[in-house]
N, C-alpha and C. Protein backbone atom coordinates (compact mmCIF):
# COMPACT_ATOMS: atom_id res chain seq x y z
N MET A 1 -22.54 -24.40 -6.34
CA MET A 1 -21.26 -23.71 -6.29
C MET A 1 -20.63 -24.01 -4.93
N SER A 2 -19.40 -24.38 -4.93
CA SER A 2 -18.73 -24.71 -3.67
C SER A 2 -18.40 -23.45 -2.89
N GLU A 3 -18.14 -23.61 -1.60
CA GLU A 3 -17.77 -22.49 -0.74
C GLU A 3 -16.51 -21.81 -1.26
N THR A 4 -15.55 -22.62 -1.73
CA THR A 4 -14.29 -22.06 -2.24
C THR A 4 -14.54 -21.19 -3.45
N SER A 5 -15.34 -21.67 -4.42
CA SER A 5 -15.58 -20.87 -5.62
C SER A 5 -16.41 -19.64 -5.30
N LEU A 6 -17.32 -19.73 -4.34
CA LEU A 6 -18.08 -18.56 -3.93
C LEU A 6 -17.16 -17.52 -3.35
N ASN A 7 -16.25 -17.92 -2.47
CA ASN A 7 -15.31 -16.98 -1.89
C ASN A 7 -14.41 -16.38 -2.96
N THR A 8 -13.98 -17.19 -3.92
CA THR A 8 -13.15 -16.69 -5.01
C THR A 8 -13.94 -15.68 -5.84
N GLY A 9 -15.21 -15.98 -6.12
CA GLY A 9 -16.05 -15.06 -6.87
C GLY A 9 -16.26 -13.75 -6.14
N GLU A 10 -16.49 -13.83 -4.84
CA GLU A 10 -16.66 -12.62 -4.03
C GLU A 10 -15.39 -11.78 -4.05
N MET A 11 -14.25 -12.45 -3.88
CA MET A 11 -12.97 -11.72 -3.87
C MET A 11 -12.68 -11.09 -5.23
N LEU A 12 -12.98 -11.81 -6.31
CA LEU A 12 -12.75 -11.28 -7.65
C LEU A 12 -13.65 -10.07 -7.91
N PHE A 13 -14.91 -10.17 -7.51
CA PHE A 13 -15.82 -9.04 -7.69
C PHE A 13 -15.34 -7.83 -6.90
N GLN A 14 -14.94 -8.04 -5.65
CA GLN A 14 -14.42 -6.95 -4.83
C GLN A 14 -13.20 -6.31 -5.47
N LEU A 15 -12.29 -7.14 -5.97
CA LEU A 15 -11.09 -6.63 -6.63
C LEU A 15 -11.45 -5.77 -7.83
N ARG A 16 -12.41 -6.23 -8.63
CA ARG A 16 -12.81 -5.47 -9.83
C ARG A 16 -13.44 -4.13 -9.44
N VAL A 17 -14.24 -4.13 -8.38
CA VAL A 17 -14.87 -2.87 -7.93
C VAL A 17 -13.79 -1.88 -7.50
N TRP A 18 -12.83 -2.32 -6.69
CA TRP A 18 -11.80 -1.41 -6.20
C TRP A 18 -10.84 -1.00 -7.31
N ASP A 19 -10.56 -1.89 -8.26
CA ASP A 19 -9.75 -1.50 -9.43
C ASP A 19 -10.47 -0.40 -10.21
N TYR A 20 -11.78 -0.57 -10.39
CA TYR A 20 -12.55 0.44 -11.11
C TYR A 20 -12.53 1.78 -10.37
N LEU A 21 -12.77 1.75 -9.06
CA LEU A 21 -12.76 3.00 -8.30
C LEU A 21 -11.39 3.68 -8.35
N ALA A 22 -10.31 2.90 -8.25
CA ALA A 22 -8.96 3.47 -8.32
C ALA A 22 -8.75 4.15 -9.68
N TRP A 23 -9.22 3.50 -10.75
CA TRP A 23 -9.10 4.10 -12.08
C TRP A 23 -10.00 5.33 -12.19
N ALA A 24 -11.27 5.18 -11.82
CA ALA A 24 -12.25 6.25 -12.01
C ALA A 24 -11.87 7.51 -11.24
N LEU A 25 -11.38 7.33 -10.02
CA LEU A 25 -11.02 8.48 -9.18
C LEU A 25 -9.57 8.88 -9.34
N ASP A 26 -8.87 8.20 -10.25
CA ASP A 26 -7.46 8.47 -10.54
C ASP A 26 -6.64 8.50 -9.25
N ASP A 27 -6.85 7.46 -8.43
CA ASP A 27 -6.19 7.38 -7.13
C ASP A 27 -5.70 5.95 -6.92
N LYS A 28 -4.44 5.74 -7.16
CA LYS A 28 -3.86 4.39 -7.07
C LYS A 28 -3.79 3.87 -5.64
N ARG A 29 -4.03 4.74 -4.66
CA ARG A 29 -4.03 4.29 -3.26
C ARG A 29 -5.30 3.51 -2.92
N LEU A 30 -6.30 3.61 -3.77
CA LEU A 30 -7.58 2.95 -3.48
C LEU A 30 -7.47 1.46 -3.74
N ASP A 31 -7.12 0.75 -2.71
CA ASP A 31 -7.08 -0.70 -2.83
C ASP A 31 -7.79 -1.34 -1.66
N HIS A 32 -8.38 -0.51 -0.82
CA HIS A 32 -9.02 -1.03 0.37
C HIS A 32 -10.04 -0.03 0.88
N VAL A 33 -11.04 -0.52 1.55
CA VAL A 33 -12.15 0.30 2.02
C VAL A 33 -11.70 1.47 2.89
N GLU A 34 -10.63 1.34 3.63
CA GLU A 34 -10.23 2.39 4.55
C GLU A 34 -9.57 3.58 3.88
N ASN A 35 -9.37 3.54 2.58
CA ASN A 35 -8.70 4.63 1.89
C ASN A 35 -9.63 5.55 1.10
N LEU A 36 -10.92 5.37 1.18
CA LEU A 36 -11.86 6.15 0.36
C LEU A 36 -12.51 7.24 1.21
N TYR A 37 -12.30 8.48 0.77
CA TYR A 37 -12.88 9.63 1.47
C TYR A 37 -13.56 10.54 0.46
N TYR A 38 -14.57 11.26 0.90
CA TYR A 38 -15.22 12.28 0.09
C TYR A 38 -15.44 13.49 0.99
N LYS A 39 -14.82 14.60 0.61
CA LYS A 39 -14.89 15.84 1.39
C LYS A 39 -14.54 15.59 2.85
N GLY A 40 -13.49 14.80 3.06
CA GLY A 40 -12.99 14.53 4.39
C GLY A 40 -13.75 13.46 5.17
N GLN A 41 -14.80 12.93 4.59
CA GLN A 41 -15.62 11.93 5.27
C GLN A 41 -15.28 10.53 4.75
N PRO A 42 -15.07 9.55 5.64
CA PRO A 42 -14.80 8.19 5.17
C PRO A 42 -16.04 7.60 4.52
N ILE A 43 -15.83 6.96 3.38
CA ILE A 43 -16.90 6.31 2.63
C ILE A 43 -16.65 4.81 2.69
N SER A 44 -17.67 4.06 3.04
CA SER A 44 -17.56 2.61 3.13
C SER A 44 -18.26 1.97 1.93
N VAL A 45 -17.54 1.14 1.19
CA VAL A 45 -18.10 0.43 0.04
C VAL A 45 -17.99 -1.06 0.31
N SER A 46 -19.12 -1.73 0.38
CA SER A 46 -19.16 -3.17 0.58
C SER A 46 -19.62 -3.83 -0.71
N THR A 47 -18.97 -4.91 -1.08
CA THR A 47 -19.30 -5.59 -2.33
C THR A 47 -19.92 -6.95 -2.06
N PHE A 48 -20.88 -7.31 -2.93
CA PHE A 48 -21.57 -8.59 -2.84
C PHE A 48 -21.74 -9.13 -4.25
N ALA A 49 -21.09 -10.24 -4.54
CA ALA A 49 -21.15 -10.82 -5.88
C ALA A 49 -22.43 -11.61 -6.11
N ASN A 50 -23.10 -12.01 -5.05
CA ASN A 50 -24.31 -12.82 -5.19
C ASN A 50 -25.53 -11.91 -5.37
N PRO A 51 -26.16 -11.95 -6.55
CA PRO A 51 -27.32 -11.08 -6.79
C PRO A 51 -28.58 -11.53 -6.05
N ASN A 52 -28.55 -12.71 -5.47
CA ASN A 52 -29.76 -13.25 -4.82
C ASN A 52 -29.88 -12.91 -3.34
N VAL A 53 -28.87 -12.28 -2.78
CA VAL A 53 -28.93 -11.89 -1.37
C VAL A 53 -29.82 -10.64 -1.28
N PRO A 54 -30.80 -10.63 -0.39
CA PRO A 54 -31.69 -9.46 -0.27
C PRO A 54 -30.92 -8.18 0.06
N MET A 55 -31.41 -7.07 -0.48
CA MET A 55 -30.77 -5.78 -0.27
C MET A 55 -30.62 -5.47 1.22
N VAL A 56 -31.63 -5.77 2.01
CA VAL A 56 -31.59 -5.45 3.44
C VAL A 56 -30.45 -6.20 4.12
N LYS A 57 -30.28 -7.47 3.79
CA LYS A 57 -29.21 -8.26 4.40
C LYS A 57 -27.83 -7.70 4.03
N CYS A 58 -27.65 -7.36 2.75
CA CYS A 58 -26.38 -6.77 2.32
C CYS A 58 -26.13 -5.45 3.03
N PHE A 59 -27.16 -4.61 3.11
CA PHE A 59 -26.97 -3.29 3.70
C PHE A 59 -26.71 -3.39 5.19
N ASN A 60 -27.37 -4.31 5.88
CA ASN A 60 -27.10 -4.48 7.31
C ASN A 60 -25.62 -4.84 7.54
N LYS A 61 -25.09 -5.70 6.69
CA LYS A 61 -23.68 -6.06 6.79
C LYS A 61 -22.79 -4.85 6.46
N ALA A 62 -23.19 -4.08 5.45
CA ALA A 62 -22.43 -2.89 5.06
C ALA A 62 -22.40 -1.86 6.19
N GLU A 63 -23.50 -1.72 6.91
CA GLU A 63 -23.54 -0.78 8.04
C GLU A 63 -22.55 -1.20 9.13
N LEU A 64 -22.46 -2.50 9.39
CA LEU A 64 -21.50 -2.99 10.38
C LEU A 64 -20.07 -2.69 9.96
N LEU A 65 -19.76 -2.94 8.68
CA LEU A 65 -18.42 -2.67 8.17
C LEU A 65 -18.12 -1.17 8.19
N ALA A 66 -19.11 -0.35 7.90
CA ALA A 66 -18.92 1.11 7.94
C ALA A 66 -18.59 1.55 9.36
N GLY A 67 -19.23 0.94 10.34
CA GLY A 67 -18.95 1.28 11.73
C GLY A 67 -17.52 1.00 12.12
N ASP A 68 -16.93 -0.03 11.49
CA ASP A 68 -15.53 -0.37 11.78
C ASP A 68 -14.56 0.74 11.39
N ILE A 69 -14.95 1.57 10.41
CA ILE A 69 -14.06 2.66 10.00
C ILE A 69 -14.67 4.03 10.33
N ASP A 70 -15.65 4.02 11.22
CA ASP A 70 -16.32 5.26 11.66
C ASP A 70 -16.90 6.05 10.50
N SER A 71 -17.52 5.33 9.57
CA SER A 71 -18.14 5.98 8.41
C SER A 71 -19.65 6.06 8.61
N GLU A 72 -20.20 7.21 8.29
CA GLU A 72 -21.65 7.41 8.30
C GLU A 72 -22.23 7.13 6.92
N TYR A 73 -21.36 6.72 5.98
CA TYR A 73 -21.78 6.60 4.58
C TYR A 73 -21.51 5.21 4.01
N PRO A 74 -22.32 4.21 4.40
CA PRO A 74 -22.16 2.88 3.80
C PRO A 74 -22.86 2.79 2.44
N PHE A 75 -22.14 2.23 1.47
CA PHE A 75 -22.70 1.96 0.15
C PHE A 75 -22.48 0.49 -0.17
N VAL A 76 -23.41 -0.07 -0.92
CA VAL A 76 -23.31 -1.47 -1.35
C VAL A 76 -23.19 -1.50 -2.86
N ILE A 77 -22.27 -2.33 -3.35
CA ILE A 77 -22.19 -2.65 -4.78
C ILE A 77 -22.52 -4.13 -4.85
N GLN A 78 -23.60 -4.47 -5.57
CA GLN A 78 -24.05 -5.85 -5.64
C GLN A 78 -24.21 -6.26 -7.09
N ALA A 79 -23.55 -7.34 -7.47
CA ALA A 79 -23.62 -7.82 -8.86
C ALA A 79 -25.08 -8.02 -9.25
N ASP A 80 -25.40 -7.67 -10.49
CA ASP A 80 -26.79 -7.80 -10.94
C ASP A 80 -27.07 -9.13 -11.61
N GLY A 81 -26.11 -10.01 -11.65
CA GLY A 81 -26.31 -11.34 -12.24
C GLY A 81 -25.05 -12.14 -12.10
N MET A 82 -25.12 -13.37 -12.51
CA MET A 82 -23.94 -14.21 -12.47
C MET A 82 -22.96 -13.70 -13.53
N PHE A 83 -21.71 -13.86 -13.29
CA PHE A 83 -20.70 -13.28 -14.14
C PHE A 83 -19.58 -14.27 -14.38
N ASP A 84 -18.76 -13.95 -15.36
CA ASP A 84 -17.54 -14.73 -15.54
C ASP A 84 -16.37 -13.76 -15.59
N ALA A 85 -15.19 -14.26 -15.42
CA ALA A 85 -14.00 -13.41 -15.31
C ALA A 85 -13.77 -12.57 -16.56
N ASP A 86 -14.13 -13.07 -17.75
CA ASP A 86 -13.92 -12.31 -18.98
C ASP A 86 -14.75 -11.03 -18.99
N VAL A 87 -16.01 -11.13 -18.61
CA VAL A 87 -16.89 -9.97 -18.61
C VAL A 87 -16.54 -9.03 -17.46
N MET A 88 -16.18 -9.62 -16.31
CA MET A 88 -15.91 -8.81 -15.13
C MET A 88 -14.76 -7.83 -15.32
N GLY A 89 -13.83 -8.12 -16.20
CA GLY A 89 -12.69 -7.25 -16.40
C GLY A 89 -13.02 -5.99 -17.19
N GLU A 90 -14.18 -5.94 -17.80
CA GLU A 90 -14.54 -4.80 -18.63
C GLU A 90 -15.07 -3.65 -17.76
N ARG A 91 -14.51 -2.47 -17.95
CA ARG A 91 -14.92 -1.30 -17.16
C ARG A 91 -16.40 -0.99 -17.31
N GLU A 92 -16.91 -1.12 -18.51
CA GLU A 92 -18.31 -0.80 -18.74
C GLU A 92 -19.21 -1.72 -17.92
N TRP A 93 -18.82 -2.98 -17.83
CA TRP A 93 -19.64 -3.93 -17.07
C TRP A 93 -19.59 -3.61 -15.59
N ILE A 94 -18.42 -3.41 -15.04
CA ILE A 94 -18.32 -3.16 -13.61
C ILE A 94 -18.97 -1.82 -13.26
N ALA A 95 -18.83 -0.82 -14.13
CA ALA A 95 -19.45 0.49 -13.88
C ALA A 95 -20.97 0.40 -13.87
N SER A 96 -21.53 -0.57 -14.57
CA SER A 96 -23.00 -0.70 -14.66
C SER A 96 -23.61 -1.47 -13.50
N GLN A 97 -22.79 -1.99 -12.60
CA GLN A 97 -23.32 -2.79 -11.50
C GLN A 97 -24.07 -1.91 -10.50
N PRO A 98 -25.16 -2.45 -9.97
CA PRO A 98 -25.98 -1.66 -9.05
C PRO A 98 -25.26 -1.29 -7.76
N ALA A 99 -25.47 -0.06 -7.34
CA ALA A 99 -24.98 0.45 -6.07
C ALA A 99 -26.19 1.03 -5.35
N TYR A 100 -26.16 0.96 -4.04
CA TYR A 100 -27.27 1.54 -3.29
C TYR A 100 -26.86 1.87 -1.86
N THR A 101 -27.69 2.71 -1.27
CA THR A 101 -27.55 3.06 0.14
C THR A 101 -28.95 3.31 0.68
N SER A 102 -29.07 3.41 1.98
CA SER A 102 -30.40 3.65 2.57
C SER A 102 -30.82 5.09 2.32
N LEU A 103 -32.11 5.31 2.40
CA LEU A 103 -32.65 6.65 2.22
C LEU A 103 -32.09 7.61 3.28
N SER A 104 -31.94 7.13 4.51
CA SER A 104 -31.41 8.01 5.57
C SER A 104 -29.95 8.37 5.32
N VAL A 105 -29.15 7.43 4.83
CA VAL A 105 -27.75 7.73 4.49
C VAL A 105 -27.72 8.69 3.30
N TRP A 106 -28.56 8.44 2.31
CA TRP A 106 -28.60 9.30 1.13
C TRP A 106 -28.93 10.74 1.51
N ASP A 107 -29.88 10.90 2.42
CA ASP A 107 -30.27 12.26 2.84
C ASP A 107 -29.07 13.03 3.40
N LYS A 108 -28.20 12.36 4.13
CA LYS A 108 -26.99 13.01 4.67
C LYS A 108 -25.94 13.19 3.57
N PHE A 109 -25.74 12.16 2.74
CA PHE A 109 -24.69 12.19 1.72
C PHE A 109 -24.95 13.25 0.67
N GLU A 110 -26.19 13.40 0.25
CA GLU A 110 -26.46 14.34 -0.84
C GLU A 110 -26.20 15.78 -0.44
N THR A 111 -26.16 16.06 0.85
CA THR A 111 -25.82 17.43 1.28
C THR A 111 -24.36 17.75 0.97
N LEU A 112 -23.51 16.73 0.79
CA LEU A 112 -22.11 16.94 0.45
C LEU A 112 -21.90 17.16 -1.05
N LEU A 113 -22.89 16.80 -1.87
CA LEU A 113 -22.74 16.85 -3.32
C LEU A 113 -22.96 18.24 -3.88
N PRO A 114 -22.18 18.62 -4.90
CA PRO A 114 -22.36 19.94 -5.50
C PRO A 114 -23.66 20.03 -6.31
N ALA A 115 -24.10 18.93 -6.89
CA ALA A 115 -25.35 18.89 -7.65
C ALA A 115 -26.17 17.71 -7.15
N LYS A 116 -27.46 17.83 -7.20
CA LYS A 116 -28.35 16.79 -6.71
C LYS A 116 -28.80 15.88 -7.86
N PRO A 117 -28.17 14.71 -7.99
CA PRO A 117 -28.57 13.81 -9.06
C PRO A 117 -29.93 13.17 -8.75
N SER A 118 -30.62 12.77 -9.79
CA SER A 118 -31.88 12.05 -9.56
C SER A 118 -31.56 10.56 -9.50
N MET A 119 -32.08 9.91 -8.49
CA MET A 119 -31.79 8.50 -8.26
C MET A 119 -33.10 7.74 -8.15
N GLU A 120 -33.01 6.43 -8.25
CA GLU A 120 -34.18 5.57 -8.15
C GLU A 120 -34.40 5.16 -6.70
N CYS A 121 -35.61 5.31 -6.22
CA CYS A 121 -35.96 4.90 -4.87
C CYS A 121 -36.56 3.49 -4.94
N VAL A 122 -36.06 2.58 -4.08
CA VAL A 122 -36.49 1.19 -4.08
C VAL A 122 -37.00 0.82 -2.69
N ASP A 123 -38.19 0.26 -2.65
CA ASP A 123 -38.76 -0.20 -1.38
C ASP A 123 -38.50 -1.70 -1.27
N SER A 124 -37.69 -2.09 -0.28
CA SER A 124 -37.37 -3.51 -0.11
C SER A 124 -38.42 -4.24 0.70
N GLY A 125 -39.43 -3.54 1.15
CA GLY A 125 -40.45 -4.13 1.98
C GLY A 125 -40.29 -3.74 3.44
N THR A 126 -39.03 -3.61 3.87
CA THR A 126 -38.77 -3.21 5.26
C THR A 126 -37.93 -1.94 5.35
N ARG A 127 -37.37 -1.52 4.22
CA ARG A 127 -36.48 -0.36 4.23
C ARG A 127 -36.45 0.26 2.84
N MET A 128 -36.27 1.57 2.81
CA MET A 128 -36.17 2.28 1.53
C MET A 128 -34.70 2.46 1.17
N PHE A 129 -34.39 2.24 -0.11
CA PHE A 129 -33.03 2.41 -0.61
C PHE A 129 -33.03 3.35 -1.80
N ILE A 130 -31.89 3.99 -2.01
CA ILE A 130 -31.65 4.80 -3.20
C ILE A 130 -30.65 4.02 -4.04
N ARG A 131 -31.02 3.75 -5.30
CA ARG A 131 -30.19 2.91 -6.16
C ARG A 131 -29.68 3.70 -7.36
N PHE A 132 -28.46 3.38 -7.75
CA PHE A 132 -27.77 3.99 -8.89
C PHE A 132 -26.75 2.96 -9.34
N THR A 133 -25.78 3.33 -10.14
CA THR A 133 -24.75 2.38 -10.57
C THR A 133 -23.41 2.73 -9.93
N LEU A 134 -22.49 1.78 -9.97
CA LEU A 134 -21.14 2.05 -9.48
C LEU A 134 -20.53 3.23 -10.24
N GLY A 135 -20.75 3.29 -11.54
CA GLY A 135 -20.23 4.41 -12.34
C GLY A 135 -20.79 5.75 -11.88
N GLU A 136 -22.08 5.78 -11.54
CA GLU A 136 -22.69 7.02 -11.05
C GLU A 136 -22.14 7.38 -9.67
N LEU A 137 -21.92 6.38 -8.82
CA LEU A 137 -21.32 6.64 -7.52
C LEU A 137 -19.92 7.22 -7.71
N ALA A 138 -19.14 6.64 -8.61
CA ALA A 138 -17.78 7.15 -8.88
C ALA A 138 -17.86 8.60 -9.36
N GLY A 139 -18.82 8.91 -10.21
CA GLY A 139 -18.99 10.28 -10.69
C GLY A 139 -19.30 11.25 -9.56
N MET A 140 -20.15 10.81 -8.62
CA MET A 140 -20.46 11.65 -7.46
C MET A 140 -19.21 11.86 -6.59
N LEU A 141 -18.48 10.78 -6.35
CA LEU A 141 -17.27 10.86 -5.51
C LEU A 141 -16.17 11.67 -6.18
N ASN A 142 -16.25 11.81 -7.50
CA ASN A 142 -15.26 12.58 -8.26
C ASN A 142 -15.78 14.00 -8.54
N SER A 143 -16.80 14.40 -7.82
CA SER A 143 -17.39 15.75 -7.93
C SER A 143 -17.79 16.12 -9.35
N GLY A 144 -18.21 15.13 -10.12
CA GLY A 144 -18.67 15.38 -11.48
C GLY A 144 -17.57 15.56 -12.51
N LEU A 145 -16.32 15.46 -12.08
CA LEU A 145 -15.20 15.58 -13.02
C LEU A 145 -15.10 14.32 -13.87
N PRO A 146 -14.43 14.38 -15.02
CA PRO A 146 -14.29 13.19 -15.86
C PRO A 146 -13.61 12.06 -15.08
N LEU A 147 -14.11 10.87 -15.28
CA LEU A 147 -13.54 9.71 -14.60
C LEU A 147 -12.24 9.27 -15.27
N GLY A 148 -11.39 8.65 -14.49
CA GLY A 148 -10.13 8.15 -15.01
C GLY A 148 -9.10 9.24 -15.26
N GLY A 149 -9.22 10.34 -14.56
CA GLY A 149 -8.27 11.43 -14.76
C GLY A 149 -8.40 12.05 -16.14
N GLY A 150 -9.60 11.96 -16.73
CA GLY A 150 -9.84 12.51 -18.06
C GLY A 150 -9.34 11.64 -19.17
N ARG A 151 -8.86 10.42 -18.81
CA ARG A 151 -8.34 9.51 -19.84
C ARG A 151 -9.44 8.66 -20.41
């Protein structure tokens, strides 16, 4: 895959994630990482279309990006396989993509949640992560209310 097509794939995946979040949270202002807040706290969402990049590498990059917006809550959305534009446009597909954060971030974030969801703990070998889906993250950020403004 050429550098150009990789960049295009990354940009397309990022666009689909933010389109989904804007729909799910019924907030048309969500078109960029700096516009996402939960209970007054900035939330950082970093996207990675390449499923072969190790979780630790993605999360380290996500932590740097979170620092740029003074967020204590970095989350990663990483494609679970190679994709094509036809499948990527489907809400069900994008909602099913893996999302994760570190165990230490999760411990702080879950104190903001009204209910404590059960999540999968993943040991990357050097760091522990809590994994869920983009759809589940959207549900948490929407305080358990129906996604898409009930539509």
